[in-house]
């Protein structure tokens, strides 16, 4: 049954989203897909090496960011320092980052 909740979360967050230009620079060990939606810019990210801190350097102006976990259907606000999201520990499944 957990797969239902993961699919539901992805469908809800990505509703109306279209593939967009990259919102961040490439990060070694991190696979990303970039979307634009009415709710803001979205990055779906999955790490090749979980439990290793990653820093994402963003393109464009970003004042707020959220981490959306599709397995637990929870979100939490991230700290944006300059144009970076620092020391993110990715699980062994994809997560969604929403930028505003």
N, C-alpha and C. Protein backbone atom coordinates (compact mmCIF):
# COMPACT_ATOMS: atom_id res chain seq x y z
N UNK A 1 0.79 -1.20 0.00
CA UNK A 1 0.00 0.00 0.00
C UNK A 1 0.84 1.28 0.00
N UNK A 2 2.09 1.28 0.54
CA UNK A 2 2.86 2.52 0.54
C UNK A 2 3.10 3.08 -0.86
N UNK A 3 3.16 2.21 -1.87
CA UNK A 3 3.38 2.71 -3.23
C UNK A 3 2.26 3.65 -3.66
N UNK A 4 1.05 3.39 -3.21
CA UNK A 4 -0.08 4.27 -3.54
C UNK A 4 0.19 5.69 -3.05
N UNK A 5 0.69 5.82 -1.82
CA UNK A 5 0.93 7.14 -1.24
C UNK A 5 2.06 7.87 -1.95
N UNK A 6 3.08 7.14 -2.37
CA UNK A 6 4.19 7.75 -3.11
C UNK A 6 3.69 8.29 -4.44
N UNK A 7 2.95 7.47 -5.17
CA UNK A 7 2.42 7.90 -6.47
C UNK A 7 1.46 9.08 -6.29
N UNK A 8 0.61 9.03 -5.26
CA UNK A 8 -0.33 10.13 -5.01
C UNK A 8 0.42 11.43 -4.72
N UNK A 9 1.47 11.37 -3.92
CA UNK A 9 2.23 12.58 -3.60
C UNK A 9 2.89 13.15 -4.84
N UNK A 10 3.53 12.29 -5.65
CA UNK A 10 4.15 12.77 -6.88
C UNK A 10 3.10 13.39 -7.81
N UNK A 11 1.95 12.74 -7.96
CA UNK A 11 0.90 13.28 -8.83
C UNK A 11 0.37 14.61 -8.33
N UNK A 12 0.19 14.75 -7.04
CA UNK A 12 -0.33 15.99 -6.47
C UNK A 12 0.66 17.14 -6.66
N UNK A 13 1.93 16.89 -6.33
CA UNK A 13 2.94 17.95 -6.41
C UNK A 13 3.25 18.32 -7.86
N UNK A 14 3.27 17.35 -8.73
CA UNK A 14 3.64 17.61 -10.13
C UNK A 14 2.44 17.94 -11.02
N UNK A 15 1.23 18.08 -10.45
CA UNK A 15 0.05 18.41 -11.26
C UNK A 15 0.27 19.74 -11.99
N UNK A 16 0.11 19.72 -13.28
CA UNK A 16 0.26 20.93 -14.09
C UNK A 16 1.70 21.31 -14.38
N UNK A 17 2.65 20.52 -13.93
CA UNK A 17 4.07 20.84 -14.14
C UNK A 17 4.51 20.46 -15.55
N UNK A 18 5.44 21.24 -16.05
CA UNK A 18 6.03 20.97 -17.37
C UNK A 18 7.54 20.92 -17.21
N UNK A 19 8.19 20.09 -18.02
CA UNK A 19 9.65 20.05 -17.99
C UNK A 19 10.19 21.44 -18.23
N UNK A 20 11.20 21.81 -17.46
CA UNK A 20 11.75 23.16 -17.57
C UNK A 20 13.26 23.14 -17.68
N UNK A 21 13.82 24.35 -17.74
CA UNK A 21 15.28 24.50 -17.77
C UNK A 21 15.84 24.12 -16.41
N UNK A 22 17.10 23.70 -16.36
CA UNK A 22 17.70 23.34 -15.08
C UNK A 22 17.65 24.50 -14.08
N UNK A 23 17.23 24.21 -12.85
CA UNK A 23 17.14 25.21 -11.79
C UNK A 23 18.38 25.19 -10.90
N UNK A 24 19.29 24.25 -11.17
CA UNK A 24 20.51 24.18 -10.36
C UNK A 24 21.64 23.67 -11.25
N UNK A 25 22.84 23.87 -10.76
CA UNK A 25 24.01 23.35 -11.46
C UNK A 25 24.11 21.84 -11.20
N UNK A 26 24.78 21.15 -12.08
CA UNK A 26 24.94 19.71 -11.92
C UNK A 26 25.72 19.39 -10.65
N UNK A 27 25.29 18.36 -9.94
CA UNK A 27 25.94 17.92 -8.70
C UNK A 27 26.38 16.49 -8.90
N UNK A 28 27.65 16.21 -8.61
CA UNK A 28 28.16 14.85 -8.74
C UNK A 28 27.42 13.93 -7.77
N UNK A 29 26.93 12.82 -8.28
CA UNK A 29 26.24 11.85 -7.44
C UNK A 29 24.76 12.15 -7.23
N UNK A 30 24.23 13.14 -7.95
CA UNK A 30 22.82 13.50 -7.78
C UNK A 30 22.16 13.59 -9.15
N UNK A 31 21.12 12.80 -9.35
CA UNK A 31 20.34 12.84 -10.59
C UNK A 31 19.15 13.77 -10.37
N UNK A 32 18.92 14.67 -11.32
CA UNK A 32 17.83 15.63 -11.14
C UNK A 32 16.97 15.74 -12.40
N UNK A 33 15.71 16.07 -12.19
CA UNK A 33 14.78 16.42 -13.27
C UNK A 33 14.14 17.73 -12.86
N UNK A 34 13.97 18.66 -13.79
CA UNK A 34 13.53 20.01 -13.48
C UNK A 34 12.17 20.30 -14.12
N UNK A 35 11.27 20.90 -13.33
CA UNK A 35 9.92 21.20 -13.79
C UNK A 35 9.55 22.62 -13.39
N UNK A 36 8.63 23.20 -14.15
CA UNK A 36 8.01 24.47 -13.79
C UNK A 36 6.53 24.21 -13.63
N UNK A 37 5.95 24.78 -12.57
CA UNK A 37 4.53 24.58 -12.31
C UNK A 37 3.94 25.86 -11.76
N UNK A 38 2.61 25.94 -11.68
CA UNK A 38 1.98 27.12 -11.08
C UNK A 38 2.41 27.34 -9.63
N UNK A 39 2.82 26.28 -8.93
CA UNK A 39 3.23 26.39 -7.53
C UNK A 39 4.69 26.81 -7.39
N UNK A 40 5.43 26.89 -8.48
CA UNK A 40 6.84 27.27 -8.42
C UNK A 40 7.69 26.31 -9.22
N UNK A 41 8.98 26.46 -9.07
CA UNK A 41 9.92 25.58 -9.76
C UNK A 41 10.14 24.33 -8.92
N UNK A 42 10.23 23.19 -9.58
CA UNK A 42 10.36 21.91 -8.88
C UNK A 42 11.59 21.17 -9.37
N UNK A 43 12.27 20.52 -8.45
CA UNK A 43 13.38 19.64 -8.78
C UNK A 43 13.08 18.28 -8.16
N UNK A 44 13.07 17.25 -8.98
CA UNK A 44 12.98 15.89 -8.46
C UNK A 44 14.42 15.38 -8.43
N UNK A 45 14.89 15.00 -7.24
CA UNK A 45 16.29 14.63 -7.08
C UNK A 45 16.42 13.27 -6.42
N UNK A 46 17.40 12.52 -6.90
CA UNK A 46 17.73 11.21 -6.31
C UNK A 46 19.25 11.10 -6.24
N UNK A 47 19.73 10.64 -5.09
CA UNK A 47 21.16 10.56 -4.86
C UNK A 47 21.69 9.17 -5.19
N UNK A 48 22.88 9.15 -5.79
CA UNK A 48 23.57 7.88 -6.03
C UNK A 48 24.22 7.36 -4.76
N UNK A 49 24.50 8.28 -3.83
CA UNK A 49 25.18 7.90 -2.59
C UNK A 49 24.44 8.49 -1.39
N UNK A 50 23.38 7.81 -0.94
CA UNK A 50 22.64 8.31 0.22
C UNK A 50 23.56 8.42 1.45
N UNK A 51 23.15 9.23 2.36
CA UNK A 51 23.87 9.49 3.62
C UNK A 51 25.15 10.27 3.40
N UNK A 52 25.31 10.90 2.24
CA UNK A 52 26.44 11.77 1.98
C UNK A 52 25.87 13.16 1.72
N UNK A 53 26.30 14.15 2.48
CA UNK A 53 25.74 15.50 2.38
C UNK A 53 26.00 16.09 0.99
N UNK A 54 24.97 16.71 0.43
CA UNK A 54 25.05 17.34 -0.89
C UNK A 54 24.72 18.82 -0.76
N UNK A 55 25.38 19.66 -1.55
CA UNK A 55 25.06 21.08 -1.64
C UNK A 55 24.58 21.35 -3.05
N UNK A 56 23.42 21.99 -3.16
CA UNK A 56 22.85 22.31 -4.46
C UNK A 56 22.99 23.81 -4.69
N UNK A 57 23.62 24.17 -5.80
CA UNK A 57 23.79 25.58 -6.18
C UNK A 57 22.69 25.93 -7.17
N UNK A 58 21.84 26.85 -6.77
CA UNK A 58 20.64 27.19 -7.55
C UNK A 58 20.94 28.25 -8.59
N UNK A 59 20.15 28.25 -9.64
CA UNK A 59 20.21 29.28 -10.67
C UNK A 59 19.00 30.20 -10.48
N UNK A 60 19.20 31.48 -10.64
CA UNK A 60 18.09 32.41 -10.48
C UNK A 60 17.86 32.75 -9.02
N UNK A 61 16.93 33.65 -8.79
CA UNK A 61 16.62 34.11 -7.44
C UNK A 61 15.68 33.14 -6.73
N UNK A 62 16.07 32.68 -5.57
CA UNK A 62 15.25 31.79 -4.75
C UNK A 62 15.25 32.32 -3.33
N UNK A 63 14.07 32.56 -2.79
CA UNK A 63 13.97 33.05 -1.41
C UNK A 63 13.48 31.98 -0.45
N UNK A 64 12.72 31.01 -0.96
CA UNK A 64 12.19 29.95 -0.12
C UNK A 64 12.32 28.62 -0.84
N UNK A 65 12.48 27.56 -0.05
CA UNK A 65 12.57 26.21 -0.62
C UNK A 65 11.98 25.21 0.36
N UNK A 66 11.38 24.15 -0.17
CA UNK A 66 10.78 23.10 0.66
C UNK A 66 11.27 21.75 0.17
N UNK A 67 11.43 20.84 1.10
CA UNK A 67 11.77 19.44 0.84
C UNK A 67 10.47 18.66 0.97
N UNK A 68 10.06 17.96 -0.07
CA UNK A 68 8.83 17.17 -0.04
C UNK A 68 9.22 15.70 -0.14
N UNK A 69 8.86 14.96 0.88
CA UNK A 69 9.17 13.54 0.95
C UNK A 69 7.96 12.75 0.46
N UNK A 70 8.06 12.07 -0.68
CA UNK A 70 6.89 11.36 -1.21
C UNK A 70 6.50 10.11 -0.42
N UNK A 71 7.41 9.54 0.35
CA UNK A 71 7.08 8.34 1.11
C UNK A 71 6.25 8.68 2.34
N UNK A 72 6.62 9.74 3.04
CA UNK A 72 5.88 10.13 4.25
C UNK A 72 4.85 11.22 3.98
N UNK A 73 4.81 11.74 2.77
CA UNK A 73 3.89 12.83 2.38
C UNK A 73 4.03 14.04 3.30
N UNK A 74 5.27 14.35 3.68
CA UNK A 74 5.53 15.52 4.51
C UNK A 74 6.42 16.50 3.77
N UNK A 75 6.37 17.75 4.22
CA UNK A 75 7.27 18.75 3.65
C UNK A 75 7.91 19.53 4.79
N UNK A 76 9.09 20.03 4.54
CA UNK A 76 9.74 20.87 5.52
C UNK A 76 10.48 21.99 4.81
N UNK A 77 10.52 23.12 5.47
CA UNK A 77 11.16 24.30 4.90
C UNK A 77 12.67 24.15 4.98
N UNK A 78 13.35 24.53 3.91
CA UNK A 78 14.80 24.47 3.86
C UNK A 78 15.38 25.87 4.03
N UNK A 79 16.59 25.94 4.50
CA UNK A 79 17.29 27.21 4.64
C UNK A 79 18.05 27.48 3.34
N UNK A 80 17.76 28.64 2.74
CA UNK A 80 18.45 29.05 1.52
C UNK A 80 19.53 30.05 1.92
N UNK A 81 20.79 29.72 1.67
CA UNK A 81 21.90 30.63 1.98
C UNK A 81 22.48 31.10 0.66
N UNK A 82 22.22 32.37 0.35
CA UNK A 82 22.63 32.89 -0.95
C UNK A 82 21.84 32.17 -2.02
N UNK A 83 22.53 31.44 -2.84
CA UNK A 83 21.87 30.64 -3.87
C UNK A 83 22.18 29.16 -3.67
N UNK A 84 22.30 28.75 -2.40
CA UNK A 84 22.67 27.36 -2.12
C UNK A 84 21.72 26.72 -1.11
N UNK A 85 21.51 25.44 -1.31
CA UNK A 85 20.87 24.58 -0.31
C UNK A 85 21.98 23.65 0.16
N UNK A 86 22.43 23.85 1.40
CA UNK A 86 23.62 23.16 1.88
C UNK A 86 23.29 21.95 2.74
N UNK A 87 24.22 20.99 2.69
CA UNK A 87 24.23 19.82 3.58
C UNK A 87 22.91 19.05 3.58
N UNK A 88 22.40 18.76 2.39
CA UNK A 88 21.18 17.96 2.28
C UNK A 88 21.55 16.48 2.29
N UNK A 89 20.88 15.73 3.14
CA UNK A 89 21.09 14.28 3.19
C UNK A 89 19.91 13.60 2.50
N UNK A 90 20.16 13.05 1.33
CA UNK A 90 19.11 12.43 0.55
C UNK A 90 18.92 10.98 0.96
N UNK A 91 17.67 10.52 1.00
CA UNK A 91 17.41 9.10 1.27
C UNK A 91 17.72 8.28 0.01
N UNK A 92 17.43 7.01 0.05
CA UNK A 92 17.70 6.16 -1.11
C UNK A 92 16.53 6.10 -2.08
N UNK A 93 15.71 7.13 -2.09
CA UNK A 93 14.60 7.25 -3.04
C UNK A 93 14.49 8.73 -3.44
N UNK A 94 13.82 9.03 -4.56
CA UNK A 94 13.72 10.41 -5.03
C UNK A 94 12.88 11.28 -4.09
N UNK A 95 13.26 12.54 -3.98
CA UNK A 95 12.49 13.53 -3.23
C UNK A 95 12.24 14.72 -4.16
N UNK A 96 11.35 15.61 -3.74
CA UNK A 96 11.00 16.78 -4.53
C UNK A 96 11.45 18.02 -3.77
N UNK A 97 12.09 18.93 -4.46
CA UNK A 97 12.46 20.22 -3.90
C UNK A 97 11.62 21.28 -4.61
N UNK A 98 10.87 22.08 -3.83
CA UNK A 98 10.05 23.15 -4.43
C UNK A 98 10.71 24.48 -4.12
N UNK A 99 10.91 25.28 -5.16
CA UNK A 99 11.59 26.56 -5.04
C UNK A 99 10.63 27.70 -5.32
N UNK A 100 10.74 28.77 -4.56
CA UNK A 100 9.90 29.95 -4.79
C UNK A 100 10.75 31.20 -4.66
